[in-house]
Structures are given as structure tokens and as C-alpha cells.
């Protein structure tokens, strides 16, 4: 329940912070002067890609941290139970951690590319 409160609070704070930025008058590219405000646009759409990219990146980092923690704890527990196989366990742990790191980078790159598509 506490985690849900934190998530809701983070969402409310981000929504409150974004509102003043979204309320600014946009200017047409190449136009100058007071006549080049958002009222001269023929079509404007707001996209949630920026918010989606931020949430996706946050979930990726949290998931990667959880995965690295599980890998490390399981490896240390197995090394403590059988010290003679510590070398093989460490090698397997590093391979799995490298695969997890690759998946994390892929997800973050997708979030960055999605952020580049955000149009306000």
C-alpha cells in the first residue's frame, strides 16, 4: 500500500510540474512577433510519449536493479554453501549479469527513441 501511495504521489507531482510547461504559448518555426502564437497553428496534438518514455526508463532501471540483486544474492548464497564451486558460480553470474545489462540497455534505447517522437 505504501508503494502505491509513492507511485500516485510521483504521478501527481509530475502532472503538476508539467502543466505550466504545457500551458506556454508555442511559436511557429520561422515566425517572429506577437502574431506567431499557438492560435495560428492549424493543428496541434499533445503526445504522452515523453511521459511514457520516462515511466518506461524508470521501470527498466528498477527491474534491472532487482535482477542484479537477485543474481548477486543467489550467487553469494551458493558460494557460501559450496565454496569449491565459487569460480564456476561467479562465471555464470557474470554471464547472466551481462545478458541482463544488454536487455536493460536495449530497453533504455527504446525509451530514448520514443522520447524523440514526443511532440507537444
PDB file of N, CA and C in Angstrom:
ATOM      1  N   UNK A   1       0.824  -1.186   0.000  1.00  0.00           N
ATOM      2  CA  UNK A   1       0.000   0.000   0.000  1.00  0.00           C
ATOM      3  C   UNK A   1       0.875   1.259   0.000  1.00  0.00           C
ATOM      4  N   UNK A   2       2.001   1.189   0.730  1.00  0.00           N
ATOM      5  CA  UNK A   2       2.894   2.339   0.779  1.00  0.00           C
ATOM      6  C   UNK A   2       3.498   2.625  -0.599  1.00  0.00           C
ATOM      7  N   UNK A   3       3.836   1.560  -1.335  1.00  0.00           N
ATOM      8  CA  UNK A   3       4.397   1.737  -2.672  1.00  0.00           C
ATOM      9  C   UNK A   3       3.370   2.385  -3.604  1.00  0.00           C
ATOM     10  N   UNK A   4       2.117   2.016  -3.484  1.00  0.00           N
ATOM     11  CA  UNK A   4       1.065   2.613  -4.299  1.00  0.00           C
ATOM     12  C   UNK A   4       0.943   4.108  -4.008  1.00  0.00           C
ATOM     13  N   UNK A   5       1.045   4.477  -2.742  1.00  0.00           N
ATOM     14  CA  UNK A   5       0.998   5.894  -2.387  1.00  0.00           C
ATOM     15  C   UNK A   5       2.155   6.662  -3.008  1.00  0.00           C
ATOM     16  N   UNK A   6       3.336   6.063  -2.991  1.00  0.00           N
ATOM     17  CA  UNK A   6       4.505   6.725  -3.571  1.00  0.00           C
ATOM     18  C   UNK A   6       4.329   6.898  -5.071  1.00  0.00           C
ATOM     19  N   UNK A   7       3.806   5.876  -5.759  1.00  0.00           N
ATOM     20  CA  UNK A   7       3.595   5.961  -7.204  1.00  0.00           C
ATOM     21  C   UNK A   7       2.558   7.028  -7.533  1.00  0.00           C
ATOM     22  N   UNK A   8       1.482   7.070  -6.794  1.00  0.00           N
ATOM     23  CA  UNK A   8       0.444   8.078  -7.031  1.00  0.00           C
ATOM     24  C   UNK A   8       0.992   9.476  -6.755  1.00  0.00           C
ATOM     25  N   UNK A   9       1.766   9.624  -5.682  1.00  0.00           N
ATOM     26  CA  UNK A   9       2.355  10.922  -5.370  1.00  0.00           C
ATOM     27  C   UNK A   9       3.318  11.368  -6.468  1.00  0.00           C
ATOM     28  N   UNK A  10       4.131  10.438  -6.972  1.00  0.00           N
ATOM     29  CA  UNK A  10       5.063  10.775  -8.060  1.00  0.00           C
ATOM     30  C   UNK A  10       4.297  11.200  -9.313  1.00  0.00           C
ATOM     31  N   UNK A  11       3.215  10.515  -9.624  1.00  0.00           N
ATOM     32  CA  UNK A  11       2.405  10.876 -10.790  1.00  0.00           C
ATOM     33  C   UNK A  11       1.778  12.255 -10.626  1.00  0.00           C
ATOM     34  N   UNK A  12       1.257  12.542  -9.457  1.00  0.00           N
ATOM     35  CA  UNK A  12       0.625  13.846  -9.218  1.00  0.00           C
ATOM     36  C   UNK A  12       1.660  14.955  -9.302  1.00  0.00           C
ATOM     37  N   UNK A  13       2.832  14.738  -8.708  1.00  0.00           N
ATOM     38  CA  UNK A  13       3.880  15.761  -8.760  1.00  0.00           C
ATOM     39  C   UNK A  13       4.322  15.999 -10.196  1.00  0.00           C
ATOM     40  N   UNK A  14       4.509  14.932 -10.965  1.00  0.00           N
ATOM     41  CA  UNK A  14       4.925  15.114 -12.362  1.00  0.00           C
ATOM     42  C   UNK A  14       3.839  15.813 -13.171  1.00  0.00           C
ATOM     43  N   UNK A  15       2.586  15.522 -12.911  1.00  0.00           N
ATOM     44  CA  UNK A  15       1.497  16.191 -13.628  1.00  0.00           C
ATOM     45  C   UNK A  15       1.445  17.666 -13.275  1.00  0.00           C
ATOM     46  N   UNK A  16       1.677  18.005 -12.017  1.00  0.00           N
ATOM     47  CA  UNK A  16       1.645  19.401 -11.592  1.00  0.00           C
ATOM     48  C   UNK A  16       2.819  20.175 -12.180  1.00  0.00           C
ATOM     49  N   UNK A  17       3.969  19.537 -12.271  1.00  0.00           N
ATOM     50  CA  UNK A  17       5.154  20.202 -12.815  1.00  0.00           C
ATOM     51  C   UNK A  17       5.017  20.409 -14.321  1.00  0.00           C
ATOM     52  N   UNK A  18       4.368  19.487 -15.025  1.00  0.00           N
ATOM     53  CA  UNK A  18       4.243  19.572 -16.470  1.00  0.00           C
ATOM     54  C   UNK A  18       3.206  20.612 -16.895  1.00  0.00           C
ATOM     55  N   UNK A  19       2.204  20.863 -16.108  1.00  0.00           N
ATOM     56  CA  UNK A  19       1.125  21.765 -16.506  1.00  0.00           C
ATOM     57  C   UNK A  19       1.600  23.167 -16.888  1.00  0.00           C
ATOM     58  N   UNK A  20       2.470  23.829 -16.119  1.00  0.00           N
ATOM     59  CA  UNK A  20       2.912  25.164 -16.567  1.00  0.00           C
ATOM     60  C   UNK A  20       3.672  25.141 -17.888  1.00  0.00           C
ATOM     61  N   UNK A  21       4.427  24.092 -18.126  1.00  0.00           N
ATOM     62  CA  UNK A  21       5.169  23.990 -19.376  1.00  0.00           C
ATOM     63  C   UNK A  21       4.214  23.771 -20.544  1.00  0.00           C
ATOM     64  N   UNK A  22       3.209  22.941 -20.359  1.00  0.00           N
ATOM     65  CA  UNK A  22       2.252  22.662 -21.418  1.00  0.00           C
ATOM     66  C   UNK A  22       1.361  23.874 -21.708  1.00  0.00           C
ATOM     67  N   UNK A  23       1.235  24.797 -20.759  1.00  0.00           N
ATOM     68  CA  UNK A  23       0.377  25.950 -20.944  1.00  0.00           C
ATOM     69  C   UNK A  23       1.070  27.094 -21.671  1.00  0.00           C
ATOM     70  N   UNK A  24       2.354  26.995 -21.933  1.00  0.00           N
ATOM     71  CA  UNK A  24       3.089  28.060 -22.606  1.00  0.00           C
ATOM     72  C   UNK A  24       2.624  28.196 -24.048  1.00  0.00           C
ATOM     73  N   UNK A  25       2.658  29.424 -24.548  1.00  0.00           N
ATOM     74  CA  UNK A  25       2.336  29.668 -25.953  1.00  0.00           C
ATOM     75  C   UNK A  25       3.495  29.204 -26.808  1.00  0.00           C
ATOM     76  N   UNK A  26       3.187  28.394 -27.779  1.00  0.00           N
ATOM     77  CA  UNK A  26       4.219  27.933 -28.702  1.00  0.00           C
ATOM     78  C   UNK A  26       4.302  28.901 -29.865  1.00  0.00           C
ATOM     79  N   UNK A  27       5.491  29.022 -30.440  1.00  0.00           N
ATOM     80  CA  UNK A  27       5.670  29.894 -31.593  1.00  0.00           C
ATOM     81  C   UNK A  27       5.905  29.040 -32.824  1.00  0.00           C
ATOM     82  N   UNK A  28       5.419  29.542 -33.946  1.00  0.00           N
ATOM     83  CA  UNK A  28       5.652  28.854 -35.198  1.00  0.00           C
ATOM     84  C   UNK A  28       7.122  28.929 -35.568  1.00  0.00           C
ATOM     85  N   UNK A  29       7.633  27.867 -36.160  1.00  0.00           N
ATOM     86  CA  UNK A  29       9.012  27.881 -36.608  1.00  0.00           C
ATOM     87  C   UNK A  29       9.140  28.861 -37.769  1.00  0.00           C
ATOM     88  N   UNK A  30      10.129  29.736 -37.694  1.00  0.00           N
ATOM     89  CA  UNK A  30      10.360  30.697 -38.755  1.00  0.00           C
ATOM     90  C   UNK A  30       9.547  31.967 -38.603  1.00  0.00           C
ATOM     91  N   UNK A  31       8.593  32.012 -37.682  1.00  0.00           N
ATOM     92  CA  UNK A  31       7.781  33.208 -37.490  1.00  0.00           C
ATOM     93  C   UNK A  31       8.250  33.940 -36.252  1.00  0.00           C
ATOM     94  N   UNK A  32       8.152  35.226 -36.289  1.00  0.00           N
ATOM     95  CA  UNK A  32       8.534  36.044 -35.152  1.00  0.00           C
ATOM     96  C   UNK A  32       7.450  37.067 -34.898  1.00  0.00           C
ATOM     97  N   UNK A  33       7.447  37.572 -33.698  1.00  0.00           N
ATOM     98  CA  UNK A  33       6.485  38.603 -33.370  1.00  0.00           C
ATOM     99  C   UNK A  33       5.306  38.051 -32.598  1.00  0.00           C
ATOM    100  N   UNK A  34       4.428  38.942 -32.163  1.00  0.00           N
ATOM    101  CA  UNK A  34       3.300  38.504 -31.335  1.00  0.00           C
ATOM    102  C   UNK A  34       2.247  37.719 -32.113  1.00  0.00           C
ATOM    103  N   UNK A  35       2.232  37.843 -33.442  1.00  0.00           N
ATOM    104  CA  UNK A  35       1.223  37.120 -34.223  1.00  0.00           C
ATOM    105  C   UNK A  35       1.549  35.637 -34.369  1.00  0.00           C
ATOM    106  N   UNK A  36       2.763  35.214 -34.001  1.00  0.00           N
ATOM    107  CA  UNK A  36       3.173  33.820 -34.180  1.00  0.00           C
ATOM    108  C   UNK A  36       2.935  33.020 -32.910  1.00  0.00           C
ATOM    109  N   UNK A  37       1.736  33.028 -32.406  1.00  0.00           N
ATOM    110  CA  UNK A  37       1.415  32.265 -31.196  1.00  0.00           C
ATOM    111  C   UNK A  37       0.735  30.967 -31.577  1.00  0.00           C
ATOM    112  N   UNK A  38       0.354  30.223 -30.571  1.00  0.00           N
ATOM    113  CA  UNK A  38      -0.260  28.923 -30.832  1.00  0.00           C
ATOM    114  C   UNK A  38      -1.621  29.042 -31.508  1.00  0.00           C
ATOM    115  N   UNK A  39      -2.229  30.228 -31.488  1.00  0.00           N
ATOM    116  CA  UNK A  39      -3.534  30.383 -32.130  1.00  0.00           C
ATOM    117  C   UNK A  39      -3.429  30.327 -33.647  1.00  0.00           C
ATOM    118  N   UNK A  40      -2.213  30.483 -34.196  1.00  0.00           N
ATOM    119  CA  UNK A  40      -2.046  30.425 -35.639  1.00  0.00           C
ATOM    120  C   UNK A  40      -1.782  29.008 -36.139  1.00  0.00           C
ATOM    121  N   UNK A  41      -1.658  28.060 -35.244  1.00  0.00           N
ATOM    122  CA  UNK A  41      -1.489  26.671 -35.653  1.00  0.00           C
ATOM    123  C   UNK A  41      -2.789  26.150 -36.250  1.00  0.00           C
ATOM    124  N   UNK A  42      -2.666  25.333 -37.271  1.00  0.00           N
ATOM    125  CA  UNK A  42      -3.866  24.708 -37.805  1.00  0.00           C
ATOM    126  C   UNK A  42      -4.188  23.421 -37.074  1.00  0.00           C
ATOM    127  N   UNK A  43      -3.155  22.726 -36.600  1.00  0.00           N
ATOM    128  CA  UNK A  43      -3.408  21.513 -35.817  1.00  0.00           C
ATOM    129  C   UNK A  43      -2.277  21.328 -34.812  1.00  0.00           C
ATOM    130  N   UNK A  44      -2.640  21.032 -33.612  1.00  0.00           N
ATOM    131  CA  UNK A  44      -1.680  20.792 -32.535  1.00  0.00           C
ATOM    132  C   UNK A  44      -2.137  19.534 -31.823  1.00  0.00           C
ATOM    133  N   UNK A  45      -1.205  18.646 -31.581  1.00  0.00           N
ATOM    134  CA  UNK A  45      -1.566  17.496 -30.783  1.00  0.00           C
ATOM    135  C   UNK A  45      -0.528  17.307 -29.702  1.00  0.00           C
ATOM    136  N   UNK A  46      -0.969  16.806 -28.583  1.00  0.00           N
ATOM    137  CA  UNK A  46      -0.050  16.533 -27.481  1.00  0.00           C
ATOM    138  C   UNK A  46       0.083  15.031 -27.361  1.00  0.00           C
ATOM    139  N   UNK A  47       1.281  14.608 -27.153  1.00  0.00           N
ATOM    140  CA  UNK A  47       1.559  13.189 -27.095  1.00  0.00           C
ATOM    141  C   UNK A  47       2.047  12.827 -25.701  1.00  0.00           C
ATOM    142  N   UNK A  48       1.726  11.654 -25.271  1.00  0.00           N
ATOM    143  CA  UNK A  48       2.205  11.170 -23.984  1.00  0.00           C
ATOM    144  C   UNK A  48       3.497  10.404 -24.104  1.00  0.00           C
ATOM    145  N   UNK A  49       4.192  10.549 -25.227  1.00  0.00           N
ATOM    146  CA  UNK A  49       5.424   9.789 -25.438  1.00  0.00           C
ATOM    147  C   UNK A  49       6.499  10.166 -24.430  1.00  0.00           C
ATOM    148  N   UNK A  50       6.569  11.438 -24.063  1.00  0.00           N
ATOM    149  CA  UNK A  50       7.570  11.856 -23.087  1.00  0.00           C
ATOM    150  C   UNK A  50       7.336  11.223 -21.731  1.00  0.00           C
ATOM    151  N   UNK A  51       6.101  11.229 -21.294  1.00  0.00           N
ATOM    152  CA  UNK A  51       5.757  10.612 -20.012  1.00  0.00           C
ATOM    153  C   UNK A  51       5.942   9.102 -20.089  1.00  0.00           C
ATOM    154  N   UNK A  52       5.548   8.508 -21.208  1.00  0.00           N
ATOM    155  CA  UNK A  52       5.729   7.066 -21.381  1.00  0.00           C
ATOM    156  C   UNK A  52       7.192   6.668 -21.377  1.00  0.00           C
ATOM    157  N   UNK A  53       8.036   7.488 -22.012  1.00  0.00           N
ATOM    158  CA  UNK A  53       9.466   7.181 -22.035  1.00  0.00           C
ATOM    159  C   UNK A  53      10.056   7.289 -20.636  1.00  0.00           C
ATOM    160  N   UNK A  54       9.638   8.276 -19.881  1.00  0.00           N
ATOM    161  CA  UNK A  54      10.139   8.413 -18.511  1.00  0.00           C
ATOM    162  C   UNK A  54       9.714   7.270 -17.621  1.00  0.00           C
ATOM    163  N   UNK A  55       8.457   6.879 -17.720  1.00  0.00           N
ATOM    164  CA  UNK A  55       7.976   5.751 -16.911  1.00  0.00           C
ATOM    165  C   UNK A  55       8.649   4.458 -17.349  1.00  0.00           C
ATOM    166  N   UNK A  56       8.815   4.273 -18.669  1.00  0.00           N
ATOM    167  CA  UNK A  56       9.480   3.069 -19.160  1.00  0.00           C
ATOM    168  C   UNK A  56      10.923   2.984 -18.704  1.00  0.00           C
ATOM    169  N   UNK A  57      11.639   4.096 -18.740  1.00  0.00           N
ATOM    170  CA  UNK A  57      13.028   4.109 -18.275  1.00  0.00           C
ATOM    171  C   UNK A  57      13.104   3.816 -16.781  1.00  0.00           C
ATOM    172  N   UNK A  58      12.178   4.385 -16.015  1.00  0.00           N
ATOM    173  CA  UNK A  58      12.174   4.134 -14.573  1.00  0.00           C
ATOM    174  C   UNK A  58      11.900   2.667 -14.263  1.00  0.00           C
ATOM    175  N   UNK A  59      10.932   2.085 -14.943  1.00  0.00           N
ATOM    176  CA  UNK A  59      10.640   0.669 -14.723  1.00  0.00           C
ATOM    177  C   UNK A  59      11.808  -0.219 -15.141  1.00  0.00           C
ATOM    178  N   UNK A  60      12.490   0.172 -16.215  1.00  0.00           N
ATOM    179  CA  UNK A  60      13.644  -0.592 -16.672  1.00  0.00           C
ATOM    180  C   UNK A  60      14.743  -0.595 -15.618  1.00  0.00           C
ATOM    181  N   UNK A  61      15.040   0.562 -15.065  1.00  0.00           N
ATOM    182  CA  UNK A  61      16.102   0.665 -14.071  1.00  0.00           C
ATOM    183  C   UNK A  61      15.719  -0.071 -12.790  1.00  0.00           C
ATOM    184  N   UNK A  62      14.480   0.047 -12.365  1.00  0.00           N
ATOM    185  CA  UNK A  62      14.042  -0.665 -11.164  1.00  0.00           C
ATOM    186  C   UNK A  62      14.116  -2.175 -11.389  1.00  0.00           C
ATOM    187  N   UNK A  63      13.656  -2.640 -12.540  1.00  0.00           N
ATOM    188  CA  UNK A  63      13.721  -4.069 -12.847  1.00  0.00           C
ATOM    189  C   UNK A  63      15.150  -4.581 -12.933  1.00  0.00           C
ATOM    190  N   UNK A  64      16.036  -3.786 -13.533  1.00  0.00           N
ATOM    191  CA  UNK A  64      17.438  -4.193 -13.622  1.00  0.00           C
ATOM    192  C   UNK A  64      18.072  -4.251 -12.241  1.00  0.00           C
ATOM    193  N   UNK A  65      17.778  -3.284 -11.397  1.00  0.00           N
ATOM    194  CA  UNK A  65      18.310  -3.313 -10.032  1.00  0.00           C
ATOM    195  C   UNK A  65      17.830  -4.524  -9.259  1.00  0.00           C
ATOM    196  N   UNK A  66      16.563  -4.840  -9.418  1.00  0.00           N
ATOM    197  CA  UNK A  66      16.019  -6.027  -8.756  1.00  0.00           C
ATOM    198  C   UNK A  66      16.684  -7.297  -9.293  1.00  0.00           C
ATOM    199  N   UNK A  67      16.873  -7.368 -10.604  1.00  0.00           N
ATOM    200  CA  UNK A  67      17.510  -8.540 -11.206  1.00  0.00           C
ATOM    201  C   UNK A  67      18.946  -8.712 -10.764  1.00  0.00           C
ATOM    202  N   UNK A  68      19.694  -7.609 -10.732  1.00  0.00           N
ATOM    203  CA  UNK A  68      21.084  -7.689 -10.275  1.00  0.00           C
ATOM    204  C   UNK A  68      21.154  -8.099  -8.809  1.00  0.00           C
ATOM    205  N   UNK A  69      20.229  -7.613  -8.012  1.00  0.00           N
ATOM    206  CA  UNK A  69      20.195  -8.001  -6.604  1.00  0.00           C
ATOM    207  C   UNK A  69      19.924  -9.480  -6.424  1.00  0.00           C
ATOM    208  N   UNK A  70      18.962  -9.998  -7.208  1.00  0.00           N
ATOM    209  CA  UNK A  70      18.656 -11.434  -7.121  1.00  0.00           C
ATOM    210  C   UNK A  70      19.837 -12.288  -7.584  1.00  0.00           C
ATOM    211  N   UNK A  71      20.495 -11.861  -8.673  1.00  0.00           N
ATOM    212  CA  UNK A  71      21.656 -12.609  -9.174  1.00  0.00           C
ATOM    213  C   UNK A  71      22.750 -12.638  -8.118  1.00  0.00           C
ATOM    214  N   UNK A  72      23.053 -11.483  -7.559  1.00  0.00           N
ATOM    215  CA  UNK A  72      24.124 -11.407  -6.560  1.00  0.00           C
ATOM    216  C   UNK A  72      23.817 -12.192  -5.308  1.00  0.00           C
ATOM    217  N   UNK A  73      22.593 -12.104  -4.814  1.00  0.00           N
ATOM    218  CA  UNK A  73      22.255 -12.823  -3.588  1.00  0.00           C
ATOM    219  C   UNK A  73      22.272 -14.334  -3.795  1.00  0.00           C
ATOM    220  N   UNK A  74      21.764 -14.776  -4.945  1.00  0.00           N
ATOM    221  CA  UNK A  74      21.774 -16.218  -5.216  1.00  0.00           C
ATOM    222  C   UNK A  74      23.199 -16.736  -5.393  1.00  0.00           C
ATOM    223  N   UNK A  75      24.039 -15.960  -6.061  1.00  0.00           N
ATOM    224  CA  UNK A  75      25.427 -16.391  -6.260  1.00  0.00           C
ATOM    225  C   UNK A  75      26.178 -16.436  -4.936  1.00  0.00           C
ATOM    226  N   UNK A  76      26.018 -15.432  -4.109  1.00  0.00           N
ATOM    227  CA  UNK A  76      26.707 -15.439  -2.819  1.00  0.00           C
ATOM    228  C   UNK A  76      26.216 -16.550  -1.910  1.00  0.00           C
ATOM    229  N   UNK A  77      24.927 -16.832  -1.961  1.00  0.00           N
ATOM    230  CA  UNK A  77      24.389 -17.922  -1.146  1.00  0.00           C
ATOM    231  C   UNK A  77      24.948 -19.266  -1.602  1.00  0.00           C
ATOM    232  N   UNK A  78      25.022 -19.481  -2.905  1.00  0.00           N
ATOM    233  CA  UNK A  78      25.556 -20.749  -3.396  1.00  0.00           C
ATOM    234  C   UNK A  78      27.056 -20.863  -3.132  1.00  0.00           C
ATOM    235  N   UNK A  79      27.788 -19.754  -3.207  1.00  0.00           N
ATOM    236  CA  UNK A  79      29.215 -19.786  -2.882  1.00  0.00           C
ATOM    237  C   UNK A  79      29.440 -20.072  -1.405  1.00  0.00           C
ATOM    238  N   UNK A  80      28.556 -19.566  -0.559  1.00  0.00           N
ATOM    239  CA  UNK A  80      28.689 -19.818   0.873  1.00  0.00           C
ATOM    240  C   UNK A  80      28.382 -21.277   1.204  1.00  0.00           C
ATOM    241  N   UNK A  81      27.449 -21.880   0.472  1.00  0.00           N
ATOM    242  CA  UNK A  81      27.105 -23.278   0.728  1.00  0.00           C
ATOM    243  C   UNK A  81      28.164 -24.241   0.193  1.00  0.00           C
ATOM    244  N   UNK A  82      28.719 -23.932  -0.972  1.00  0.00           N
ATOM    245  CA  UNK A  82      29.732 -24.790  -1.591  1.00  0.00           C
ATOM    246  C   UNK A  82      30.883 -23.924  -2.096  1.00  0.00           C
ATOM    247  N   UNK A  83      31.856 -23.637  -1.238  1.00  0.00           N
ATOM    248  CA  UNK A  83      32.966 -22.765  -1.654  1.00  0.00           C
ATOM    249  C   UNK A  83      33.820 -23.338  -2.784  1.00  0.00           C
ATOM    250  N   UNK A  84      33.812 -24.642  -2.969  1.00  0.00           N
ATOM    251  CA  UNK A  84      34.656 -25.252  -4.008  1.00  0.00           C
ATOM    252  C   UNK A  84      34.161 -24.956  -5.426  1.00  0.00           C
ATOM    253  N   UNK A  85      32.921 -24.566  -5.599  1.00  0.00           N
ATOM    254  CA  UNK A  85      32.400 -24.247  -6.934  1.00  0.00           C
ATOM    255  C   UNK A  85      32.249 -22.742  -7.140  1.00  0.00           C
ATOM    256  N   UNK A  86      32.924 -21.957  -6.320  1.00  0.00           N
ATOM    257  CA  UNK A  86      32.773 -20.499  -6.374  1.00  0.00           C
ATOM    258  C   UNK A  86      33.184 -19.937  -7.733  1.00  0.00           C
ATOM    259  N   UNK A  87      34.228 -20.481  -8.334  1.00  0.00           N
ATOM    260  CA  UNK A  87      34.689 -19.984  -9.633  1.00  0.00           C
ATOM    261  C   UNK A  87      33.660 -20.176 -10.723  1.00  0.00           C
ATOM    262  N   UNK A  88      33.056 -21.355 -10.764  1.00  0.00           N
ATOM    263  CA  UNK A  88      32.035 -21.618 -11.792  1.00  0.00           C
ATOM    264  C   UNK A  88      30.777 -20.790 -11.560  1.00  0.00           C
ATOM    265  N   UNK A  89      30.404 -20.613 -10.309  1.00  0.00           N
ATOM    266  CA  UNK A  89      29.224 -19.810  -9.996  1.00  0.00           C
ATOM    267  C   UNK A  89      29.464 -18.347 -10.391  1.00  0.00           C
ATOM    268  N   UNK A  90      30.668 -17.859 -10.118  1.00  0.00           N
ATOM    269  CA  UNK A  90      30.980 -16.479 -10.455  1.00  0.00           C
ATOM    270  C   UNK A  90      30.959 -16.258 -11.967  1.00  0.00           C
ATOM    271  N   UNK A  91      31.457 -17.240 -12.724  1.00  0.00           N
ATOM    272  CA  UNK A  91      31.436 -17.125 -14.183  1.00  0.00           C
ATOM    273  C   UNK A  91      29.999 -17.087 -14.709  1.00  0.00           C
ATOM    274  N   UNK A  92      29.177 -17.981 -14.207  1.00  0.00           N
ATOM    275  CA  UNK A  92      27.771 -17.987 -14.614  1.00  0.00           C
ATOM    276  C   UNK A  92      27.053 -16.713 -14.224  1.00  0.00           C
ATOM    277  N   UNK A  93      27.375 -16.198 -13.040  1.00  0.00           N
ATOM    278  CA  UNK A  93      26.757 -14.964 -12.573  1.00  0.00           C
ATOM    279  C   UNK A  93      27.133 -13.797 -13.496  1.00  0.00           C
ATOM    280  N   UNK A  94      28.383 -13.721 -13.906  1.00  0.00           N
ATOM    281  CA  UNK A  94      28.813 -12.640 -14.786  1.00  0.00           C
ATOM    282  C   UNK A  94      28.153 -12.730 -16.165  1.00  0.00           C
ATOM    283  N   UNK A  95      27.980 -13.935 -16.680  1.00  0.00           N
ATOM    284  CA  UNK A  95      27.325 -14.098 -17.983  1.00  0.00           C
ATOM    285  C   UNK A  95      25.865 -13.653 -17.897  1.00  0.00           C
ATOM    286  N   UNK A  96      25.181 -14.062 -16.855  1.00  0.00           N
ATOM    287  CA  UNK A  96      23.778 -13.666 -16.688  1.00  0.00           C
ATOM    288  C   UNK A  96      23.657 -12.161 -16.476  1.00  0.00           C
ATOM    289  N   UNK A  97      24.586 -11.587 -15.701  1.00  0.00           N
ATOM    290  CA  UNK A  97      24.556 -10.138 -15.476  1.00  0.00           C
ATOM    291  C   UNK A  97      24.797  -9.379 -16.780  1.00  0.00           C
ATOM    292  N   UNK A  98      25.679  -9.899 -17.635  1.00  0.00           N
ATOM    293  CA  UNK A  98      25.928  -9.241 -18.924  1.00  0.00           C
ATOM    294  C   UNK A  98      24.685  -9.304 -19.813  1.00  0.00           C
ATOM    295  N   UNK A  99      23.987 -10.428 -19.815  1.00  0.00           N
ATOM    296  CA  UNK A  99      22.755 -10.529 -20.589  1.00  0.00           C
ATOM    297  C   UNK A  99      21.681  -9.569 -20.056  1.00  0.00           C
ATOM    298  N   UNK A 100      21.584  -9.461 -18.747  1.00  0.00           N
ATOM    299  CA  UNK A 100      20.625  -8.532 -18.143  1.00  0.00           C
ATOM    300  C   UNK A 100      20.988  -7.098 -18.480  1.00  0.00           C
ATOM    301  N   UNK A 101      22.280  -6.790 -18.465  1.00  0.00           N
ATOM    302  CA  UNK A 101      22.724  -5.436 -18.820  1.00  0.00           C
ATOM    303  C   UNK A 101      22.379  -5.113 -20.275  1.00  0.00           C
ATOM    304  N   UNK A 102      22.538  -6.075 -21.168  1.00  0.00           N
ATOM    305  CA  UNK A 102      22.185  -5.863 -22.571  1.00  0.00           C
ATOM    306  C   UNK A 102      20.702  -5.600 -22.745  1.00  0.00           C
ATOM    307  N   UNK A 103      19.878  -6.355 -22.056  1.00  0.00           N
ATOM    308  CA  UNK A 103      18.431  -6.136 -22.138  1.00  0.00           C
ATOM    309  C   UNK A 103      18.052  -4.775 -21.565  1.00  0.00           C
ATOM    310  N   UNK A 104      18.728  -4.370 -20.510  1.00  0.00           N
ATOM    311  CA  UNK A 104      18.466  -3.054 -19.912  1.00  0.00           C
ATOM    312  C   UNK A 104      18.832  -1.940 -20.880  1.00  0.00           C
ATOM    313  N   UNK A 105      20.000  -2.043 -21.512  1.00  0.00           N
ATOM    314  CA  UNK A 105      20.398  -1.017 -22.481  1.00  0.00           C
ATOM    315  C   UNK A 105      19.432  -0.960 -23.657  1.00  0.00           C
ATOM    316  N   UNK A 106      18.978  -2.119 -24.128  1.00  0.00           N
ATOM    317  CA  UNK A 106      18.024  -2.138 -25.230  1.00  0.00           C
ATOM    318  C   UNK A 106      16.745  -1.411 -24.845  1.00  0.00           C
ATOM    319  N   UNK A 107      16.240  -1.685 -23.655  1.00  0.00           N
ATOM    320  CA  UNK A 107      15.011  -1.043 -23.205  1.00  0.00           C
ATOM    321  C   UNK A 107      15.198   0.464 -23.045  1.00  0.00           C
ATOM    322  N   UNK A 108      16.338   0.885 -22.503  1.00  0.00           N
ATOM    323  CA  UNK A 108      16.583   2.316 -22.356  1.00  0.00           C
ATOM    324  C   UNK A 108      16.709   3.007 -23.705  1.00  0.00           C
ATOM    325  N   UNK A 109      17.328   2.348 -24.680  1.00  0.00           N
ATOM    326  CA  UNK A 109      17.440   2.937 -26.015  1.00  0.00           C
ATOM    327  C   UNK A 109      16.065   3.079 -26.653  1.00  0.00           C
ATOM    328  N   UNK A 110      15.200   2.097 -26.455  1.00  0.00           N
ATOM    329  CA  UNK A 110      13.834   2.209 -26.970  1.00  0.00           C
ATOM    330  C   UNK A 110      13.120   3.394 -26.316  1.00  0.00           C
ATOM    331  N   UNK A 111      13.317   3.576 -25.008  1.00  0.00           N
ATOM    332  CA  UNK A 111      12.695   4.710 -24.323  1.00  0.00           C
ATOM    333  C   UNK A 111      13.233   6.036 -24.850  1.00  0.00           C
ATOM    334  N   UNK A 112      14.543   6.104 -25.118  1.00  0.00           N
ATOM    335  CA  UNK A 112      15.128   7.338 -25.652  1.00  0.00           C
ATOM    336  C   UNK A 112      14.591   7.625 -27.043  1.00  0.00           C
ATOM    337  N   UNK A 113      14.477   6.582 -27.881  1.00  0.00           N
ATOM    338  CA  UNK A 113      13.914   6.782 -29.207  1.00  0.00           C
ATOM    339  C   UNK A 113      12.458   7.218 -29.143  1.00  0.00           C
ATOM    340  N   UNK A 114      11.713   6.672 -28.208  1.00  0.00           N
ATOM    341  CA  UNK A 114      10.322   7.067 -28.023  1.00  0.00           C
ATOM    342  C   UNK A 114      10.234   8.509 -27.555  1.00  0.00           C
ATOM    343  N   UNK A 115      11.171   8.929 -26.734  1.00  0.00           N
ATOM    344  CA  UNK A 115      11.190  10.311 -26.259  1.00  0.00           C
ATOM    345  C   UNK A 115      11.434  11.275 -27.420  1.00  0.00           C
ATOM    346  N   UNK A 116      12.233  10.855 -28.408  1.00  0.00           N
ATOM    347  CA  UNK A 116      12.475  11.698 -29.568  1.00  0.00           C
ATOM    348  C   UNK A 116      11.231  11.901 -30.415  1.00  0.00           C
ATOM    349  N   UNK A 117      10.235  11.050 -30.275  1.00  0.00           N
ATOM    350  CA  UNK A 117       8.989  11.169 -31.033  1.00  0.00           C
ATOM    351  C   UNK A 117       7.940  12.012 -30.291  1.00  0.00           C
ATOM    352  N   UNK A 118       8.283  12.501 -29.086  1.00  0.00           N
ATOM    353  CA  UNK A 118       7.325  13.281 -28.322  1.00  0.00           C
ATOM    354  C   UNK A 118       7.116  14.644 -28.976  1.00  0.00           C
ATOM    355  N   UNK A 119       5.893  14.946 -29.332  1.00  0.00           N
ATOM    356  CA  UNK A 119       5.545  16.223 -29.955  1.00  0.00           C
ATOM    357  C   UNK A 119       4.567  16.950 -29.062  1.00  0.00           C
ATOM    358  N   UNK A 120       4.890  18.163 -28.734  1.00  0.00           N
ATOM    359  CA  UNK A 120       3.994  18.970 -27.898  1.00  0.00           C
ATOM    360  C   UNK A 120       3.625  20.226 -28.654  1.00  0.00           C
TER     361      UNK A 120
END
